Amino acid sequence: MKLKQYLHSQLAITFFPIFLGLFFITSVIFLVKIAALTSIITLNFAELFTLFTYAIPQIVFFTMPISFFLSLVICLAKLAAEYELTVITSFGLNPVNILKIFAPVTLLLSAMLLVISVGLIPKTKFLTKQFLDKKKKEANFNIKPSQFGQKFGDWLIYIDGKDDKVYDQVKLFKTEKNEDQFIVSQTAILDNENGSLSFRLIDGKAFIIDEKEFNQIDFKSMYINDSIADSKLGIFTDSYSFWKENIKNNVDIDDLTFYVLTALFPLISLFLVITFGYFNPRYEKNRAVFYSLLTVVLYYVLIKLVGDKILLHALYIVPTIWIIGTYILYSRTIQKEY
């Protein structure tokens, strides 16, 4: 029991600095991408923070598997370099026993990564697209006072003044099927509800003129709804329905395989952890970090290439090949000596 607690504490000491470092670097990259959006749309600090919170599941997903795998290898390599693994082995704990101590934590981590990748990321990506769509619609509706030739959808629009989303002395005009429509309003307010634009006119008159008659309508309030092109985002109900629909339509299947296989990476690479982590400091050099980084690159390239070609079949083919391959490597190296 004390040995298990000791090994877990050593893993935590190694894991958190690596994870926080990678998390910070990845966060900076995402923040730069978010800040670049300000050249297209106007964002205040609260909106920038909102977009960043939507990106957090992706940041955690991209950094956690690599951090955990590296931490496991470095933890064992550190214990080996300080001869602690030699002492532990002398008490009858072979590498597989050490593996069993780390297996429950690794399984829990992979399960958490599956929830984040398959469950949270699609939702946060949808919310991000919805938020940006809403802001782009507002950016498209950038009407300036005292300028002619400006349009709101099919309407020509002229305003005398503007204060944020409140417009003064608004004039709207359009011609449709030999019929002229002219609207004059004292005040107008731009409403944006979840990306659905509406222009609310207050205290005005509407004139409809054709070849035979002239009609006038006095109004207290009038809405012109979403004259700008509608969004094509669709509706997001839940992650299960999202992936079910995608599989049915054969859309983004490569993303699903990438998410699942990345989440499984720490769990199916446990034999590599003891293969790289165990070494004799008297006769061998510590190459654990080099081997680990090489493995990470190899695995990500593999799942991307294979996943894009065989799609859902990669979910059972890649883990099977990886586990068999890593066990063979372990059996021919560490298992012979310990």
Protein backbone atom coordinates (compact mmCIF):
# COMPACT_ATOMS: atom_id res chain seq x y z
CA MET A 1 0.00 0.00 0.00
CA LYS A 2 2.76 2.42 0.91
CA LEU A 3 4.64 1.49 -2.25
CA LYS A 4 1.55 2.24 -4.34
CA GLN A 5 1.15 5.63 -2.65
CA TYR A 6 4.83 6.36 -3.16
CA LEU A 7 4.72 5.51 -6.87
CA HIS A 8 1.57 7.61 -7.38
CA SER A 9 3.17 10.55 -5.58
CA GLN A 10 6.26 10.28 -7.79
CA LEU A 11 4.02 10.21 -10.85
CA ALA A 12 2.16 13.32 -9.67
CA ILE A 13 5.42 15.19 -9.05
CA THR A 14 6.47 14.43 -12.62
CA PHE A 15 3.07 14.86 -14.30
CA PHE A 16 1.88 18.27 -13.15
CA PRO A 17 4.91 20.34 -14.28
CA ILE A 18 4.83 18.68 -17.73
CA PHE A 19 1.06 19.02 -18.10
CA LEU A 20 0.94 22.64 -16.91
CA GLY A 21 3.84 23.55 -19.22
CA LEU A 22 2.19 21.99 -22.26
CA PHE A 23 -1.18 23.43 -21.24
CA PHE A 24 0.31 26.92 -21.07
CA ILE A 25 2.03 26.63 -24.46
CA THR A 26 -1.09 25.24 -26.13
CA SER A 27 -3.24 27.92 -24.48
CA VAL A 28 -1.00 30.64 -25.91
CA ILE A 29 -1.41 29.13 -29.39
CA PHE A 30 -5.20 29.08 -29.04
CA LEU A 31 -5.23 32.63 -27.64
CA VAL A 32 -3.23 33.86 -30.63
CA LYS A 33 -5.75 32.21 -32.96
CA ILE A 34 -8.63 33.79 -31.04
CA ALA A 35 -6.95 37.21 -31.01
CA ALA A 36 -6.52 36.97 -34.80
CA LEU A 37 -10.31 37.02 -35.08
CA THR A 38 -10.34 40.64 -33.96
CA SER A 39 -9.22 41.61 -37.47
CA ILE A 40 -12.60 40.30 -38.71
CA ILE A 41 -14.97 40.96 -35.82
CA THR A 42 -14.98 43.14 -32.71
CA LEU A 43 -14.47 41.26 -29.44
CA ASN A 44 -14.28 42.63 -25.91
CA PHE A 45 -12.38 40.94 -23.07
CA ALA A 46 -15.43 38.99 -21.83
CA GLU A 47 -16.06 37.62 -25.33
CA LEU A 48 -12.39 36.66 -25.74
CA PHE A 49 -12.57 34.82 -22.41
CA THR A 50 -15.77 33.06 -23.52
CA LEU A 51 -14.08 31.80 -26.69
CA PHE A 52 -11.09 30.64 -24.65
CA THR A 53 -13.31 28.65 -22.26
CA TYR A 54 -14.82 26.91 -25.30
CA ALA A 55 -11.27 25.93 -26.32
CA ILE A 56 -10.28 24.46 -22.93
CA PRO A 57 -11.59 20.91 -23.64
CA GLN A 58 -9.50 20.82 -26.83
CA ILE A 59 -6.42 22.10 -24.98
CA VAL A 60 -6.81 19.47 -22.26
CA PHE A 61 -7.40 16.73 -24.82
CA PHE A 62 -4.32 17.57 -26.86
CA THR A 63 -1.99 17.94 -23.86
CA MET A 64 -3.20 15.32 -21.37
CA PRO A 65 -2.34 12.03 -23.20
CA ILE A 66 1.16 13.18 -24.13
CA SER A 67 1.82 14.60 -20.65
CA PHE A 68 0.65 11.46 -18.89
CA PHE A 69 2.62 9.06 -21.10
CA LEU A 70 5.80 11.11 -20.79
CA SER A 71 5.28 11.40 -17.03
CA LEU A 72 4.92 7.64 -16.58
CA VAL A 73 8.10 6.94 -18.54
CA ILE A 74 10.11 9.71 -16.86
CA CYS A 75 8.85 8.64 -13.41
CA LEU A 76 10.08 5.07 -13.91
CA ALA A 77 13.31 6.24 -15.55
CA LYS A 78 13.99 8.51 -12.59
CA LEU A 79 13.41 5.65 -10.15
CA ALA A 80 15.69 3.43 -12.23
CA ALA A 81 18.43 6.06 -12.35
CA GLU A 82 18.33 6.33 -8.55
CA TYR A 83 18.40 2.51 -8.15
CA GLU A 84 14.96 2.54 -6.52
CA LEU A 85 13.53 0.22 -9.17
CA THR A 86 16.35 -2.22 -8.44
CA VAL A 87 15.35 -2.27 -4.77
CA ILE A 88 11.65 -2.63 -5.63
CA THR A 89 12.43 -5.50 -8.01
CA SER A 90 14.51 -7.24 -5.34
CA PHE A 91 11.41 -7.35 -3.13
CA GLY A 92 9.64 -9.45 -5.79
CA LEU A 93 7.82 -6.78 -7.80
CA ASN A 94 8.51 -7.38 -11.48
CA PRO A 95 7.68 -4.79 -14.19
CA VAL A 96 4.19 -6.20 -14.74
CA ASN A 97 3.38 -5.70 -11.04
CA ILE A 98 4.51 -2.08 -11.36
CA LEU A 99 2.30 -1.82 -14.43
CA LYS A 100 -0.71 -3.04 -12.45
CA ILE A 101 -0.22 -0.22 -9.96
CA PHE A 102 -0.45 2.44 -12.70
CA ALA A 103 -3.16 0.68 -14.76
CA PRO A 104 -6.26 1.92 -12.82
CA VAL A 105 -5.12 5.56 -13.02
CA THR A 106 -4.39 5.17 -16.72
CA LEU A 107 -7.79 3.57 -17.36
CA LEU A 108 -9.52 6.43 -15.53
CA LEU A 109 -7.57 8.98 -17.57
CA SER A 110 -8.50 7.32 -20.89
CA ALA A 111 -12.17 7.25 -19.86
CA MET A 112 -12.02 10.95 -18.98
CA LEU A 113 -10.37 11.74 -22.33
CA LEU A 114 -13.14 9.85 -24.15
CA VAL A 115 -15.77 11.96 -22.39
CA ILE A 116 -13.90 15.17 -23.23
CA SER A 117 -13.21 14.30 -26.87
CA VAL A 118 -16.40 12.55 -27.94
CA GLY A 119 -18.72 14.38 -25.55
CA LEU A 120 -17.50 17.91 -24.85
CA ILE A 121 -15.44 18.95 -27.87
CA PRO A 122 -18.28 18.67 -30.46
CA LYS A 123 -20.50 20.80 -28.21
CA THR A 124 -17.86 23.47 -27.59
CA LYS A 125 -16.97 23.58 -31.30
CA PHE A 126 -20.64 24.16 -32.11
CA LEU A 127 -20.90 26.90 -29.48
CA THR A 128 -17.76 28.55 -30.89
CA LYS A 129 -19.15 28.50 -34.45
CA GLN A 130 -22.50 29.79 -33.19
CA PHE A 131 -20.81 32.63 -31.29
CA LEU A 132 -18.64 33.62 -34.28
CA ASP A 133 -21.62 33.42 -36.62
CA LYS A 134 -23.49 35.79 -34.36
CA LYS A 135 -20.59 38.25 -34.24
CA LYS A 136 -20.05 38.08 -38.01
CA LYS A 137 -23.68 38.92 -38.59
CA GLU A 138 -23.28 41.98 -36.39
CA ALA A 139 -20.11 42.88 -38.30
CA ASN A 140 -21.98 42.58 -41.61
CA PHE A 141 -24.58 44.96 -40.26
CA ASN A 142 -22.13 47.83 -39.93
CA ILE A 143 -24.30 50.79 -40.89
CA LYS A 144 -22.67 54.22 -40.62
CA PRO A 145 -24.54 57.49 -40.11
CA SER A 146 -25.13 59.94 -43.01
CA GLN A 147 -23.89 57.57 -45.74
CA PHE A 148 -25.88 56.65 -48.83
CA GLY A 149 -25.85 53.29 -50.64
CA GLN A 150 -25.72 51.08 -47.52
CA LYS A 151 -27.80 47.91 -47.42
CA PHE A 152 -29.54 45.73 -44.89
CA GLY A 153 -30.33 42.61 -46.90
CA ASP A 154 -32.67 43.73 -49.73
CA TRP A 155 -33.26 47.13 -48.14
CA LEU A 156 -31.37 50.34 -48.83
CA ILE A 157 -30.85 52.04 -45.47
CA TYR A 158 -29.96 55.54 -44.30
CA ILE A 159 -29.53 56.67 -40.68
CA ASP A 160 -28.86 60.05 -39.07
CA GLY A 161 -27.15 58.76 -35.94
CA LYS A 162 -26.03 55.65 -34.08
CA ASP A 163 -25.24 54.70 -30.48
CA ASP A 164 -24.02 51.09 -30.23
CA LYS A 165 -27.06 49.08 -31.43
CA VAL A 166 -29.54 51.98 -31.32
CA TYR A 167 -30.13 53.87 -34.59
CA ASP A 168 -31.81 57.29 -34.97
CA GLN A 169 -33.99 58.55 -37.84
CA VAL A 170 -33.92 55.43 -39.95
CA LYS A 171 -35.06 55.32 -43.58
CA LEU A 172 -35.49 52.03 -45.44
CA PHE A 173 -36.36 51.58 -49.10
CA LYS A 174 -36.69 48.68 -51.54
CA THR A 175 -38.40 47.87 -54.84
CA GLU A 176 -40.05 44.48 -55.32
CA LYS A 177 -42.41 43.34 -58.14
CA ASN A 178 -43.18 46.85 -59.40
CA GLU A 179 -43.93 47.89 -55.84
CA ASP A 180 -41.95 50.47 -53.88
CA GLN A 181 -41.72 50.14 -50.12
CA PHE A 182 -40.50 53.03 -47.98
CA ILE A 183 -40.21 52.98 -44.18
CA VAL A 184 -39.39 55.88 -41.87
CA SER A 185 -38.71 55.25 -38.18
CA GLN A 186 -37.71 57.50 -35.28
CA THR A 187 -35.60 54.80 -33.63
CA ALA A 188 -34.41 51.31 -34.51
CA ILE A 189 -32.70 48.68 -32.35
CA LEU A 190 -30.60 45.75 -33.61
CA ASP A 191 -31.40 42.54 -31.73
CA ASN A 192 -29.19 39.46 -31.97
CA GLU A 193 -30.64 36.42 -30.24
CA ASN A 194 -28.30 33.42 -30.60
CA GLY A 195 -27.23 34.51 -34.07
CA SER A 196 -30.74 35.40 -35.28
CA LEU A 197 -30.74 39.05 -36.32
CA SER A 198 -33.81 41.26 -36.19
CA PHE A 199 -34.16 44.99 -36.77
CA ARG A 200 -36.81 46.50 -34.45
CA LEU A 201 -38.26 49.78 -35.72
CA ILE A 202 -40.03 52.05 -33.22
CA ASP A 203 -42.55 54.86 -33.95
CA GLY A 204 -42.63 55.15 -37.71
CA LYS A 205 -44.55 55.02 -40.95
CA ALA A 206 -44.48 52.49 -43.79
CA PHE A 207 -45.46 53.47 -47.36
CA ILE A 208 -46.33 50.93 -50.07
CA ILE A 209 -46.63 52.39 -53.57
CA ASP A 210 -47.57 50.63 -56.79
CA GLU A 211 -49.11 51.68 -60.11
CA LYS A 212 -52.68 51.72 -58.76
CA GLU A 213 -52.60 52.75 -55.12
CA PHE A 214 -50.68 54.37 -52.30
CA ASN A 215 -50.90 52.85 -48.81
CA GLN A 216 -49.63 54.22 -45.52
CA ILE A 217 -49.23 52.31 -42.28
CA ASP A 218 -48.45 54.00 -38.96
CA PHE A 219 -46.78 51.69 -36.45
CA LYS A 220 -45.47 51.71 -32.90
CA SER A 221 -43.18 48.73 -33.46
CA MET A 222 -42.14 46.75 -36.53
CA TYR A 223 -39.65 43.90 -36.97
CA ILE A 224 -37.54 43.13 -40.00
CA ASN A 225 -36.18 39.68 -39.32
CA ASP A 226 -32.76 38.43 -40.38
CA SER A 227 -32.41 39.98 -43.80
CA ILE A 228 -28.77 38.89 -43.76
CA ALA A 229 -28.08 35.33 -45.01
CA ASP A 230 -29.16 32.64 -42.58
CA SER A 231 -26.65 30.52 -40.73
CA LYS A 232 -26.02 26.94 -41.88
CA LEU A 233 -24.94 25.70 -38.48
CA GLY A 234 -27.96 23.51 -37.90
CA ILE A 235 -29.02 22.34 -34.44
CA PHE A 236 -26.92 20.57 -31.80
CA THR A 237 -28.96 18.48 -29.37
CA ASP A 238 -26.42 16.16 -27.72
CA SER A 239 -23.12 14.48 -28.56
CA TYR A 240 -24.68 11.03 -29.04
CA SER A 241 -27.13 12.33 -31.65
CA PHE A 242 -24.35 14.36 -33.25
CA TRP A 243 -22.07 11.36 -33.81
CA LYS A 244 -24.97 9.08 -34.73
CA GLU A 245 -25.98 11.49 -37.48
CA ASN A 246 -22.38 11.91 -38.63
CA ILE A 247 -21.84 8.14 -38.86
CA LYS A 248 -25.10 7.79 -40.77
CA ASN A 249 -24.06 10.50 -43.24
CA ASN A 250 -20.39 9.44 -43.26
CA VAL A 251 -19.26 12.90 -42.07
CA ASP A 252 -16.21 13.62 -39.86
CA ILE A 253 -15.63 9.91 -39.17
CA ASP A 254 -11.87 10.55 -39.25
CA ASP A 255 -12.30 13.01 -36.36
CA LEU A 256 -14.15 10.39 -34.30
CA THR A 257 -11.44 7.77 -34.85
CA PHE A 258 -8.73 10.32 -34.02
CA TYR A 259 -10.48 11.29 -30.77
CA VAL A 260 -11.02 7.72 -29.59
CA LEU A 261 -7.55 6.46 -30.52
CA THR A 262 -5.86 9.47 -28.92
CA ALA A 263 -7.84 8.90 -25.71
CA LEU A 264 -6.73 5.25 -25.67
CA PHE A 265 -3.05 6.07 -26.27
CA PRO A 266 -1.90 6.09 -22.58
CA LEU A 267 -3.77 2.85 -21.85
CA ILE A 268 -2.54 0.81 -24.82
CA SER A 269 1.04 2.07 -24.41
CA LEU A 270 1.66 0.76 -20.90
CA PHE A 271 4.10 -1.90 -22.10
CA LEU A 272 6.16 0.88 -23.68
CA VAL A 273 6.24 2.68 -20.32
CA ILE A 274 8.12 -0.14 -18.64
CA THR A 275 10.16 -0.84 -21.78
CA PHE A 276 11.50 2.73 -21.87
CA GLY A 277 11.47 3.37 -18.11
CA TYR A 278 13.45 0.32 -16.99
CA PHE A 279 17.19 0.47 -17.53
CA ASN A 280 20.39 -0.27 -15.63
CA PRO A 281 22.14 3.05 -14.92
CA ARG A 282 25.51 1.28 -14.68
CA TYR A 283 25.51 -0.07 -18.22
CA GLU A 284 22.85 1.90 -20.11
CA LYS A 285 22.12 5.54 -20.83
CA ASN A 286 18.79 7.09 -19.99
CA ARG A 287 17.10 7.55 -23.38
CA ALA A 288 13.57 7.38 -22.01
CA VAL A 289 12.53 10.89 -23.08
CA PHE A 290 13.90 10.46 -26.62
CA TYR A 291 12.15 7.11 -27.08
CA SER A 292 8.92 8.49 -25.62
CA LEU A 293 8.81 11.52 -27.91
CA LEU A 294 9.59 9.31 -30.89
CA THR A 295 6.72 7.00 -29.89
CA VAL A 296 4.27 9.90 -29.55
CA VAL A 297 5.10 11.19 -33.04
CA LEU A 298 4.91 7.69 -34.52
CA TYR A 299 1.54 6.96 -32.90
CA TYR A 300 -0.09 10.22 -33.96
CA VAL A 301 1.16 9.82 -37.53
CA LEU A 302 -0.11 6.23 -37.54
CA ILE A 303 -3.63 7.00 -36.31
CA LYS A 304 -3.94 9.94 -38.68
CA LEU A 305 -2.84 7.98 -41.75
CA VAL A 306 -4.69 4.77 -40.91
CA GLY A 307 -7.75 6.50 -39.47
CA ASP A 308 -8.27 8.62 -42.58
CA LYS A 309 -8.18 5.51 -44.79
CA ILE A 310 -10.09 2.81 -42.91
CA LEU A 311 -12.15 5.12 -40.65
CA LEU A 312 -14.14 3.20 -37.99
CA HIS A 313 -12.21 -0.02 -38.59
CA ALA A 314 -9.17 1.74 -37.11
CA LEU A 315 -10.88 1.68 -33.69
CA TYR A 316 -10.09 -2.03 -33.25
CA ILE A 317 -7.26 -2.57 -35.75
CA VAL A 318 -4.85 0.10 -34.44
CA PRO A 319 -5.14 -0.76 -30.68
CA THR A 320 -4.76 -4.49 -31.43
CA ILE A 321 -1.63 -4.00 -33.56
CA TRP A 322 -0.19 -1.47 -31.10
CA ILE A 323 -0.69 -3.67 -28.02
CA ILE A 324 0.75 -6.76 -29.74
CA GLY A 325 3.70 -4.79 -31.10
CA THR A 326 4.53 -3.14 -27.77
CA TYR A 327 4.22 -6.46 -25.90
CA ILE A 328 6.63 -8.13 -28.33
CA LEU A 329 9.09 -5.28 -27.80
CA TYR A 330 8.70 -5.61 -24.01
CA SER A 331 9.09 -9.40 -24.05
CA ARG A 332 12.28 -9.22 -26.06
CA THR A 333 13.91 -6.56 -23.88
CA ILE A 334 12.80 -5.91 -20.30
CA GLN A 335 10.99 -9.19 -19.62
CA LYS A 336 14.19 -11.20 -20.23
CA GLU A 337 16.16 -9.21 -17.66
CA TYR A 338 13.55 -8.70 -14.93
